[in-house]
Amino acid sequence: MSAGKPARTQLRVGRLVKAHGLKGALKLELYTDDPDGRFVPGAVFTLQVPESSPWHGKSVTVREFRWMNSHPVLFLEGIDDRDAAESIVRAILWLDQEQIDAAPEEDAWYDHQLVGLDVIRDGAVIGRVTQIDHLPSQDLLTVRTTDDREVLVPFVKAIVPEVDVAAGRLLVTPPAGLFEELAGDEDDAPAETDAAASESADGATEA
């Protein structure tokens, strides 16, 4: 049985994926758009772990956060070797909402704020955000379009210039072909039909 998050309002900020090296480092899966601002030395996180874990009911304090080969790596107080790091692997890190509200981020959102937002292009709704994937290089938004296709949209300022959570929407200015790639194939279909009809008509004349 897994321990649920505490009753007070909290948000996920990361998950400890695996031990890294021999000095207690842990590779981190990020659930925040500002890891350098969240995982500062002294930051305290509540742990979500199984009740059988020695870390159940405890919190951890950040000693150091760094990037290694484009991967986020975390050092925690009291975890100084690989064995200690292995004991906390798969723990989910939670941050109190009060701490987040006290230090708001600019242009930073959590997954639950983005999922469900309407996607607006040129003033029209073209789809809805259904998922966010956090990759080492950038985040990707999965958009379910109004014609029931899934399109992966890089979550960068050049393509998503505005996010309005309160209004329930985000604006996109995608490069040519990002949303129309499949539509272009469908547009070719009538041309093929017309060509077939022309051949049929010629055949009928010759007969």
Protein backbone atom coordinates (compact mmCIF):
# COMPACT_ATOMS: atom_id res chain seq x y z
CA MET A 1 0.00 0.00 0.00
CA SER A 2 1.42 3.37 -1.03
CA ALA A 3 1.32 6.38 1.19
CA GLY A 4 -0.85 9.12 -0.24
CA LYS A 5 0.21 12.72 -0.23
CA PRO A 6 -0.49 14.66 2.97
CA ALA A 7 -3.88 16.31 3.45
CA ARG A 8 -2.49 19.83 3.01
CA THR A 9 -2.40 21.18 -0.54
CA GLN A 10 0.75 20.10 -2.35
CA LEU A 11 2.03 19.72 -5.89
CA ARG A 12 4.39 17.15 -7.37
CA VAL A 13 7.73 18.57 -8.46
CA GLY A 14 9.73 15.45 -9.28
CA ARG A 15 10.41 11.75 -8.90
CA LEU A 16 13.71 10.13 -7.94
CA VAL A 17 14.42 7.74 -10.82
CA LYS A 18 17.67 5.98 -9.90
CA ALA A 19 20.96 6.30 -8.07
CA HIS A 20 23.77 7.98 -9.99
CA GLY A 21 27.42 7.41 -9.12
CA LEU A 22 28.82 6.57 -5.70
CA LYS A 23 28.28 9.81 -3.77
CA GLY A 24 24.53 9.71 -3.21
CA ALA A 25 23.40 11.49 -6.37
CA LEU A 26 19.95 10.70 -7.77
CA LYS A 27 18.65 11.14 -11.29
CA LEU A 28 15.43 13.11 -11.30
CA GLU A 29 12.25 13.08 -13.38
CA LEU A 30 10.93 16.62 -13.44
CA TYR A 31 7.34 17.76 -12.96
CA THR A 32 8.22 21.46 -12.83
CA ASP A 33 9.16 23.96 -15.51
CA ASP A 34 11.69 25.70 -13.26
CA PRO A 35 13.90 23.00 -11.72
CA ASP A 36 16.77 25.41 -11.08
CA GLY A 37 14.40 27.58 -9.07
CA ARG A 38 12.68 24.74 -7.22
CA PHE A 39 15.64 22.53 -6.27
CA VAL A 40 17.75 25.18 -4.59
CA PRO A 41 19.97 24.26 -1.62
CA GLY A 42 17.84 24.14 1.52
CA ALA A 43 14.54 23.43 -0.29
CA VAL A 44 12.44 20.89 1.65
CA PHE A 45 10.20 18.28 0.02
CA THR A 46 7.70 15.82 1.43
CA LEU A 47 8.12 12.23 0.23
CA GLN A 48 5.53 9.90 -1.22
CA VAL A 49 6.83 6.37 -0.66
CA PRO A 50 5.41 2.96 0.32
CA GLU A 51 4.64 2.53 4.02
CA SER A 52 7.32 -0.15 4.17
CA SER A 53 10.00 2.34 3.13
CA PRO A 54 12.37 3.68 5.81
CA TRP A 55 11.60 7.13 4.32
CA HIS A 56 7.86 6.90 5.00
CA GLY A 57 6.57 10.01 6.77
CA LYS A 58 9.85 11.90 6.29
CA SER A 59 10.95 14.89 4.26
CA VAL A 60 14.22 15.63 2.47
CA THR A 61 16.36 18.74 2.04
CA VAL A 62 18.23 19.64 -1.13
CA ARG A 63 22.00 19.79 -0.81
CA GLU A 64 22.77 20.42 -4.49
CA PHE A 65 21.08 20.33 -7.89
CA ARG A 66 23.00 20.08 -11.14
CA TRP A 67 22.72 19.01 -14.79
CA MET A 68 24.83 16.07 -15.98
CA ASN A 69 24.74 15.31 -19.71
CA SER A 70 21.40 17.12 -19.97
CA HIS A 71 19.93 15.03 -17.13
CA PRO A 72 18.81 16.64 -13.84
CA VAL A 73 20.66 15.21 -10.84
CA LEU A 74 19.83 15.85 -7.19
CA PHE A 75 21.92 15.57 -4.00
CA LEU A 76 20.01 15.39 -0.71
CA GLU A 77 21.10 16.03 2.87
CA GLY A 78 21.93 12.78 4.68
CA ILE A 79 22.29 10.75 1.46
CA ASP A 80 26.02 10.45 0.92
CA ASP A 81 26.54 7.11 -0.82
CA ARG A 82 24.94 4.86 -3.40
CA ASP A 83 23.30 2.54 -0.86
CA ALA A 84 21.46 5.43 0.77
CA ALA A 85 20.43 6.73 -2.65
CA GLU A 86 19.09 3.29 -3.65
CA SER A 87 16.88 3.27 -0.54
CA ILE A 88 14.94 6.34 -1.70
CA VAL A 89 14.67 5.57 -5.42
CA ARG A 90 11.15 5.95 -6.88
CA ALA A 91 10.09 8.41 -4.18
CA ILE A 92 7.90 11.27 -5.43
CA LEU A 93 8.73 14.77 -4.19
CA TRP A 94 5.93 17.10 -3.10
CA LEU A 95 6.09 20.82 -2.38
CA ASP A 96 3.63 22.75 -0.21
CA GLN A 97 1.31 25.03 -2.18
CA GLU A 98 2.11 27.80 0.32
CA GLN A 99 5.76 27.75 -0.74
CA ILE A 100 4.80 27.90 -4.40
CA ASP A 101 2.39 30.78 -3.87
CA ALA A 102 5.03 32.66 -1.92
CA ALA A 103 7.46 32.50 -4.84
CA PRO A 104 5.47 32.52 -8.09
CA GLU A 105 7.30 31.65 -11.29
CA GLU A 106 7.04 33.63 -14.48
CA ASP A 107 5.97 31.56 -17.49
CA ALA A 108 5.86 28.34 -15.45
CA TRP A 109 2.92 25.99 -15.10
CA TYR A 110 2.20 22.56 -13.70
CA ASP A 111 0.82 19.69 -15.75
CA HIS A 112 -2.62 19.81 -14.13
CA GLN A 113 -2.92 23.48 -15.12
CA LEU A 114 -2.22 22.80 -18.79
CA VAL A 115 -4.17 19.60 -19.39
CA GLY A 116 -7.62 20.47 -20.70
CA LEU A 117 -6.75 23.94 -22.04
CA ASP A 118 -8.21 24.86 -25.43
CA VAL A 119 -5.60 25.40 -28.12
CA ILE A 120 -6.23 28.59 -30.11
CA ARG A 121 -4.78 29.39 -33.51
CA ASP A 122 -5.73 32.52 -35.44
CA GLY A 123 -8.67 33.08 -33.10
CA ALA A 124 -10.17 29.61 -33.55
CA VAL A 125 -10.12 26.53 -31.31
CA ILE A 126 -8.16 23.79 -33.08
CA GLY A 127 -7.84 21.29 -30.24
CA ARG A 128 -7.24 20.64 -26.57
CA VAL A 129 -4.16 19.75 -24.49
CA THR A 130 -4.39 16.14 -23.26
CA GLN A 131 -0.87 15.44 -21.95
CA ILE A 132 2.55 16.95 -21.21
CA ASP A 133 5.79 15.01 -21.70
CA HIS A 134 8.94 16.28 -19.99
CA LEU A 135 11.98 15.53 -22.15
CA PRO A 136 15.61 16.48 -21.42
CA SER A 137 15.66 19.03 -24.25
CA GLN A 138 12.14 20.48 -23.92
CA ASP A 139 8.54 19.77 -22.93
CA LEU A 140 6.00 18.50 -25.45
CA LEU A 141 2.27 19.17 -25.39
CA THR A 142 0.02 16.45 -26.79
CA VAL A 143 -2.87 18.20 -28.53
CA ARG A 144 -6.03 16.33 -29.54
CA THR A 145 -7.27 18.27 -32.56
CA THR A 146 -10.90 18.94 -33.43
CA ASP A 147 -10.63 16.34 -36.21
CA ASP A 148 -9.48 13.74 -33.65
CA ARG A 149 -5.76 13.63 -34.39
CA GLU A 150 -2.89 13.84 -31.89
CA VAL A 151 -0.21 16.43 -32.57
CA LEU A 152 2.95 16.91 -30.48
CA VAL A 153 3.68 20.60 -29.96
CA PRO A 154 7.04 21.77 -28.54
CA PHE A 155 6.25 23.85 -25.45
CA VAL A 156 8.50 26.78 -26.34
CA LYS A 157 7.78 30.51 -26.47
CA ALA A 158 8.12 30.69 -30.26
CA ILE A 159 5.30 28.17 -30.78
CA VAL A 160 3.23 28.73 -27.61
CA PRO A 161 3.55 32.49 -27.02
CA GLU A 162 0.70 32.80 -24.52
CA VAL A 163 -0.86 30.62 -21.83
CA ASP A 164 -3.98 31.88 -20.06
CA VAL A 165 -4.93 29.32 -17.41
CA ALA A 166 -7.72 31.51 -16.03
CA ALA A 167 -9.33 31.72 -19.48
CA GLY A 168 -8.77 28.01 -20.11
CA ARG A 169 -6.74 28.43 -23.27
CA LEU A 170 -3.31 28.77 -24.82
CA LEU A 171 -2.32 30.35 -28.12
CA VAL A 172 -0.14 28.62 -30.71
CA THR A 173 1.80 29.95 -33.68
CA PRO A 174 3.05 26.66 -35.13
CA PRO A 175 5.42 26.33 -38.07
CA ALA A 176 3.89 25.34 -41.40
CA GLY A 177 2.94 21.68 -41.52
CA LEU A 178 2.82 20.97 -37.79
CA PHE A 179 -0.98 20.70 -37.77
CA GLU A 180 -1.61 20.41 -41.52
CA GLU A 181 0.68 17.50 -42.33
CA LEU A 182 -2.08 14.88 -42.25
CA ALA A 183 -4.66 17.27 -43.64
CA GLY A 184 -2.51 17.68 -46.75
CA ASP A 185 -2.78 13.97 -47.45
CA GLU A 186 -6.56 14.17 -47.19
CA ASP A 187 -6.60 17.12 -49.60
CA ASP A 188 -4.92 14.95 -52.20
CA ALA A 189 -7.79 12.46 -52.16
CA PRO A 190 -10.26 14.52 -54.26
CA ALA A 191 -7.60 15.06 -56.92
CA GLU A 192 -7.07 11.31 -57.20
CA THR A 193 -10.84 10.81 -57.44
CA ASP A 194 -11.09 13.43 -60.16
CA ALA A 195 -8.30 11.74 -62.10
CA ALA A 196 -10.01 8.37 -61.81
CA ALA A 197 -13.29 9.92 -62.96
CA SER A 198 -11.51 11.46 -65.95
CA GLU A 199 -10.03 8.11 -66.95
CA SER A 200 -13.47 6.50 -66.62
CA ALA A 201 -15.02 9.19 -68.81
CA ASP A 202 -12.32 8.72 -71.48
CA GLY A 203 -12.91 5.00 -71.42
CA ALA A 204 -16.63 5.49 -71.89
CA THR A 205 -16.00 7.76 -74.91
CA GLU A 206 -13.68 5.26 -76.52
CA ALA A 207 -16.18 2.47 -76.04
